[in-house]
Protein backbone atom coordinates (compact mmCIF):
# COMPACT_ATOMS: atom_id res chain seq x y z
CA UNK A 1 0.00 0.00 0.00
CA UNK A 2 2.83 2.38 0.75
CA UNK A 3 4.06 1.95 -2.83
CA UNK A 4 0.90 3.73 -4.04
CA UNK A 5 1.04 6.41 -1.36
CA UNK A 6 -1.66 4.80 0.76
CA UNK A 7 -1.14 4.15 4.43
CA UNK A 8 -3.05 1.58 6.45
CA UNK A 9 -5.90 3.20 8.30
CA UNK A 10 -5.56 1.12 11.46
CA UNK A 11 -3.41 3.68 13.20
CA UNK A 12 -6.03 6.40 12.74
CA UNK A 13 -8.75 4.60 14.71
CA UNK A 14 -8.94 3.94 18.41
CA UNK A 15 -9.24 0.18 18.90
CA UNK A 16 -11.32 0.61 22.07
CA UNK A 17 -14.17 2.26 20.12
CA UNK A 18 -14.57 -0.74 17.83
CA UNK A 19 -15.96 -2.86 20.66
CA UNK A 20 -18.70 -0.30 21.29
CA UNK A 21 -19.76 -0.41 17.64
CA UNK A 22 -19.87 -4.18 17.28
CA UNK A 23 -23.38 -4.82 18.62
CA UNK A 24 -25.05 -1.89 16.79
CA UNK A 25 -23.32 -2.95 13.57
CA UNK A 26 -24.62 -6.51 13.86
CA UNK A 27 -28.09 -5.23 14.73
CA UNK A 28 -28.09 -2.93 11.69
CA UNK A 29 -26.99 -5.82 9.49
CA UNK A 30 -29.75 -8.06 10.84
CA UNK A 31 -32.37 -5.38 10.30
CA UNK A 32 -31.11 -4.79 6.77
CA UNK A 33 -31.25 -8.52 6.02
CA UNK A 34 -34.82 -8.74 7.27
CA UNK A 35 -35.74 -5.71 5.15
CA UNK A 36 -34.21 -7.31 2.05
CA UNK A 37 -36.14 -10.52 2.66
CA UNK A 38 -39.34 -8.52 3.11
CA UNK A 39 -38.60 -6.65 -0.14
CA UNK A 40 -38.38 -9.95 -2.07
CA UNK A 41 -41.52 -11.23 -0.40
CA UNK A 42 -43.39 -8.04 -1.33
CA UNK A 43 -42.15 -8.24 -4.93
CA UNK A 44 -43.30 -11.82 -5.21
CA UNK A 45 -46.78 -11.17 -3.86
CA UNK A 46 -47.54 -7.65 -5.02
CA UNK A 47 -45.31 -7.05 -8.01
CA UNK A 48 -42.62 -4.41 -8.45
CA UNK A 49 -45.01 -1.64 -9.52
CA UNK A 50 -46.88 -1.81 -6.22
CA UNK A 51 -44.13 -2.86 -3.83
CA UNK A 52 -41.50 -0.28 -4.83
CA UNK A 53 -43.44 2.81 -3.66
CA UNK A 54 -44.29 1.07 -0.41
CA UNK A 55 -40.71 0.04 0.30
CA UNK A 56 -39.29 3.37 -0.86
CA UNK A 57 -41.52 5.34 1.54
CA UNK A 58 -40.71 3.32 4.65
CA UNK A 59 -37.16 4.65 5.27
CA UNK A 60 -38.53 8.19 5.25
CA UNK A 61 -41.07 7.29 7.90
CA UNK A 62 -38.49 5.55 10.06
CA UNK A 63 -35.94 8.38 9.78
CA UNK A 64 -38.63 10.94 10.58
CA UNK A 65 -39.58 8.99 13.68
CA UNK A 66 -35.94 8.82 14.77
CA UNK A 67 -35.55 12.55 14.18
CA UNK A 68 -38.70 13.46 16.05
CA UNK A 69 -38.52 11.06 18.99
CA UNK A 70 -34.82 10.42 19.55
CA UNK A 71 -33.07 13.57 18.34
CA UNK A 72 -35.92 16.00 19.18
CA UNK A 73 -35.80 17.70 15.78
CA UNK A 74 -39.52 18.53 15.77
CA UNK A 75 -40.81 21.17 18.18
CA UNK A 76 -44.34 22.35 18.73
CA UNK A 77 -47.71 20.70 18.58
CA UNK A 78 -48.51 22.04 15.11
CA UNK A 79 -45.39 20.42 13.65
CA UNK A 80 -46.19 17.09 15.31
CA UNK A 81 -49.70 17.23 13.86
CA UNK A 82 -48.27 17.86 10.38
CA UNK A 83 -45.84 14.96 10.83
CA UNK A 84 -48.67 12.71 12.00
CA UNK A 85 -50.77 13.64 8.96
CA UNK A 86 -47.83 12.81 6.71
CA UNK A 87 -47.43 9.42 8.41
CA UNK A 88 -51.13 8.69 7.99
CA UNK A 89 -50.94 9.65 4.29
CA UNK A 90 -47.95 7.38 3.67
CA UNK A 91 -49.51 4.45 5.52
CA UNK A 92 -52.86 4.87 3.76
CA UNK A 93 -51.14 5.07 0.38
CA UNK A 94 -49.26 1.84 1.11
CA UNK A 95 -52.40 0.04 2.31
CA UNK A 96 -54.57 1.22 -0.57
CA UNK A 97 -51.99 0.38 -3.23
CA UNK A 98 -51.54 -3.13 -1.85
CA UNK A 99 -55.30 -3.65 -1.48
CA UNK A 100 -55.81 -2.40 -5.03
CA UNK A 101 -53.36 -4.98 -6.33
CA UNK A 102 -55.09 -7.74 -4.37
CA UNK A 103 -58.43 -6.66 -5.86
CA UNK A 104 -56.99 -6.81 -9.38
CA UNK A 105 -55.63 -10.30 -8.81
CA UNK A 106 -58.96 -11.63 -7.57
CA UNK A 107 -60.78 -10.16 -10.60
CA UNK A 108 -58.28 -11.74 -13.03
CA UNK A 109 -58.98 -15.25 -11.78
C-alpha atoms as a PDB file:
ATOM      1  CA  UNK A   1       0.000   0.000   0.000  1.00  0.00           C
ATOM      2  CA  UNK A   2       2.828   2.378   0.748  1.00  0.00           C
ATOM      3  CA  UNK A   3       4.063   1.951  -2.826  1.00  0.00           C
ATOM      4  CA  UNK A   4       0.899   3.731  -4.036  1.00  0.00           C
ATOM      5  CA  UNK A   5       1.035   6.408  -1.361  1.00  0.00           C
ATOM      6  CA  UNK A   6      -1.664   4.798   0.764  1.00  0.00           C
ATOM      7  CA  UNK A   7      -1.138   4.149   4.434  1.00  0.00           C
ATOM      8  CA  UNK A   8      -3.047   1.575   6.445  1.00  0.00           C
ATOM      9  CA  UNK A   9      -5.898   3.201   8.299  1.00  0.00           C
ATOM     10  CA  UNK A  10      -5.556   1.117  11.460  1.00  0.00           C
ATOM     11  CA  UNK A  11      -3.414   3.676  13.200  1.00  0.00           C
ATOM     12  CA  UNK A  12      -6.034   6.400  12.745  1.00  0.00           C
ATOM     13  CA  UNK A  13      -8.752   4.601  14.705  1.00  0.00           C
ATOM     14  CA  UNK A  14      -8.939   3.939  18.410  1.00  0.00           C
ATOM     15  CA  UNK A  15      -9.240   0.181  18.897  1.00  0.00           C
ATOM     16  CA  UNK A  16     -11.316   0.611  22.069  1.00  0.00           C
ATOM     17  CA  UNK A  17     -14.168   2.258  20.124  1.00  0.00           C
ATOM     18  CA  UNK A  18     -14.571  -0.744  17.828  1.00  0.00           C
ATOM     19  CA  UNK A  19     -15.956  -2.860  20.657  1.00  0.00           C
ATOM     20  CA  UNK A  20     -18.698  -0.302  21.290  1.00  0.00           C
ATOM     21  CA  UNK A  21     -19.761  -0.411  17.642  1.00  0.00           C
ATOM     22  CA  UNK A  22     -19.869  -4.178  17.277  1.00  0.00           C
ATOM     23  CA  UNK A  23     -23.384  -4.816  18.624  1.00  0.00           C
ATOM     24  CA  UNK A  24     -25.048  -1.894  16.786  1.00  0.00           C
ATOM     25  CA  UNK A  25     -23.316  -2.952  13.571  1.00  0.00           C
ATOM     26  CA  UNK A  26     -24.615  -6.513  13.864  1.00  0.00           C
ATOM     27  CA  UNK A  27     -28.094  -5.232  14.726  1.00  0.00           C
ATOM     28  CA  UNK A  28     -28.094  -2.932  11.695  1.00  0.00           C
ATOM     29  CA  UNK A  29     -26.994  -5.820   9.487  1.00  0.00           C
ATOM     30  CA  UNK A  30     -29.747  -8.064  10.837  1.00  0.00           C
ATOM     31  CA  UNK A  31     -32.375  -5.378  10.301  1.00  0.00           C
ATOM     32  CA  UNK A  32     -31.106  -4.793   6.768  1.00  0.00           C
ATOM     33  CA  UNK A  33     -31.248  -8.517   6.023  1.00  0.00           C
ATOM     34  CA  UNK A  34     -34.824  -8.741   7.274  1.00  0.00           C
ATOM     35  CA  UNK A  35     -35.737  -5.712   5.155  1.00  0.00           C
ATOM     36  CA  UNK A  36     -34.207  -7.307   2.051  1.00  0.00           C
ATOM     37  CA  UNK A  37     -36.136 -10.518   2.655  1.00  0.00           C
ATOM     38  CA  UNK A  38     -39.342  -8.519   3.107  1.00  0.00           C
ATOM     39  CA  UNK A  39     -38.602  -6.650  -0.143  1.00  0.00           C
ATOM     40  CA  UNK A  40     -38.376  -9.947  -2.073  1.00  0.00           C
ATOM     41  CA  UNK A  41     -41.521 -11.234  -0.397  1.00  0.00           C
ATOM     42  CA  UNK A  42     -43.386  -8.041  -1.332  1.00  0.00           C
ATOM     43  CA  UNK A  43     -42.148  -8.241  -4.934  1.00  0.00           C
ATOM     44  CA  UNK A  44     -43.299 -11.818  -5.215  1.00  0.00           C
ATOM     45  CA  UNK A  45     -46.783 -11.172  -3.862  1.00  0.00           C
ATOM     46  CA  UNK A  46     -47.545  -7.647  -5.022  1.00  0.00           C
ATOM     47  CA  UNK A  47     -45.308  -7.052  -8.011  1.00  0.00           C
ATOM     48  CA  UNK A  48     -42.623  -4.411  -8.452  1.00  0.00           C
ATOM     49  CA  UNK A  49     -45.008  -1.639  -9.518  1.00  0.00           C
ATOM     50  CA  UNK A  50     -46.878  -1.811  -6.218  1.00  0.00           C
ATOM     51  CA  UNK A  51     -44.126  -2.861  -3.825  1.00  0.00           C
ATOM     52  CA  UNK A  52     -41.500  -0.276  -4.831  1.00  0.00           C
ATOM     53  CA  UNK A  53     -43.445   2.815  -3.663  1.00  0.00           C
ATOM     54  CA  UNK A  54     -44.289   1.067  -0.413  1.00  0.00           C
ATOM     55  CA  UNK A  55     -40.711   0.036   0.300  1.00  0.00           C
ATOM     56  CA  UNK A  56     -39.294   3.374  -0.855  1.00  0.00           C
ATOM     57  CA  UNK A  57     -41.523   5.339   1.538  1.00  0.00           C
ATOM     58  CA  UNK A  58     -40.707   3.320   4.650  1.00  0.00           C
ATOM     59  CA  UNK A  59     -37.162   4.646   5.269  1.00  0.00           C
ATOM     60  CA  UNK A  60     -38.532   8.187   5.246  1.00  0.00           C
ATOM     61  CA  UNK A  61     -41.075   7.292   7.897  1.00  0.00           C
ATOM     62  CA  UNK A  62     -38.487   5.549  10.063  1.00  0.00           C
ATOM     63  CA  UNK A  63     -35.944   8.375   9.784  1.00  0.00           C
ATOM     64  CA  UNK A  64     -38.626  10.939  10.582  1.00  0.00           C
ATOM     65  CA  UNK A  65     -39.585   8.989  13.683  1.00  0.00           C
ATOM     66  CA  UNK A  66     -35.939   8.823  14.769  1.00  0.00           C
ATOM     67  CA  UNK A  67     -35.554  12.547  14.183  1.00  0.00           C
ATOM     68  CA  UNK A  68     -38.697  13.459  16.051  1.00  0.00           C
ATOM     69  CA  UNK A  69     -38.519  11.061  18.988  1.00  0.00           C
ATOM     70  CA  UNK A  70     -34.822  10.418  19.554  1.00  0.00           C
ATOM     71  CA  UNK A  71     -33.075  13.565  18.338  1.00  0.00           C
ATOM     72  CA  UNK A  72     -35.919  16.005  19.181  1.00  0.00           C
ATOM     73  CA  UNK A  73     -35.804  17.695  15.778  1.00  0.00           C
ATOM     74  CA  UNK A  74     -39.521  18.527  15.773  1.00  0.00           C
ATOM     75  CA  UNK A  75     -40.806  21.172  18.180  1.00  0.00           C
ATOM     76  CA  UNK A  76     -44.344  22.354  18.728  1.00  0.00           C
ATOM     77  CA  UNK A  77     -47.710  20.696  18.584  1.00  0.00           C
ATOM     78  CA  UNK A  78     -48.509  22.040  15.109  1.00  0.00           C
ATOM     79  CA  UNK A  79     -45.395  20.421  13.650  1.00  0.00           C
ATOM     80  CA  UNK A  80     -46.187  17.087  15.308  1.00  0.00           C
ATOM     81  CA  UNK A  81     -49.700  17.229  13.859  1.00  0.00           C
ATOM     82  CA  UNK A  82     -48.269  17.860  10.382  1.00  0.00           C
ATOM     83  CA  UNK A  83     -45.837  14.963  10.829  1.00  0.00           C
ATOM     84  CA  UNK A  84     -48.666  12.708  12.001  1.00  0.00           C
ATOM     85  CA  UNK A  85     -50.771  13.637   8.965  1.00  0.00           C
ATOM     86  CA  UNK A  86     -47.829  12.814   6.709  1.00  0.00           C
ATOM     87  CA  UNK A  87     -47.434   9.421   8.409  1.00  0.00           C
ATOM     88  CA  UNK A  88     -51.126   8.694   7.986  1.00  0.00           C
ATOM     89  CA  UNK A  89     -50.944   9.652   4.292  1.00  0.00           C
ATOM     90  CA  UNK A  90     -47.952   7.376   3.668  1.00  0.00           C
ATOM     91  CA  UNK A  91     -49.512   4.455   5.523  1.00  0.00           C
ATOM     92  CA  UNK A  92     -52.859   4.873   3.762  1.00  0.00           C
ATOM     93  CA  UNK A  93     -51.136   5.068   0.376  1.00  0.00           C
ATOM     94  CA  UNK A  94     -49.262   1.836   1.109  1.00  0.00           C
ATOM     95  CA  UNK A  95     -52.395   0.044   2.314  1.00  0.00           C
ATOM     96  CA  UNK A  96     -54.569   1.218  -0.573  1.00  0.00           C
ATOM     97  CA  UNK A  97     -51.988   0.381  -3.230  1.00  0.00           C
ATOM     98  CA  UNK A  98     -51.540  -3.130  -1.849  1.00  0.00           C
ATOM     99  CA  UNK A  99     -55.297  -3.649  -1.484  1.00  0.00           C
ATOM    100  CA  UNK A 100     -55.806  -2.396  -5.029  1.00  0.00           C
ATOM    101  CA  UNK A 101     -53.360  -4.976  -6.330  1.00  0.00           C
ATOM    102  CA  UNK A 102     -55.089  -7.742  -4.373  1.00  0.00           C
ATOM    103  CA  UNK A 103     -58.428  -6.662  -5.859  1.00  0.00           C
ATOM    104  CA  UNK A 104     -56.991  -6.809  -9.375  1.00  0.00           C
ATOM    105  CA  UNK A 105     -55.632 -10.301  -8.813  1.00  0.00           C
ATOM    106  CA  UNK A 106     -58.960 -11.629  -7.574  1.00  0.00           C
ATOM    107  CA  UNK A 107     -60.779 -10.164 -10.603  1.00  0.00           C
ATOM    108  CA  UNK A 108     -58.279 -11.735 -13.031  1.00  0.00           C
ATOM    109  CA  UNK A 109     -58.979 -15.250 -11.781  1.00  0.00           C
END
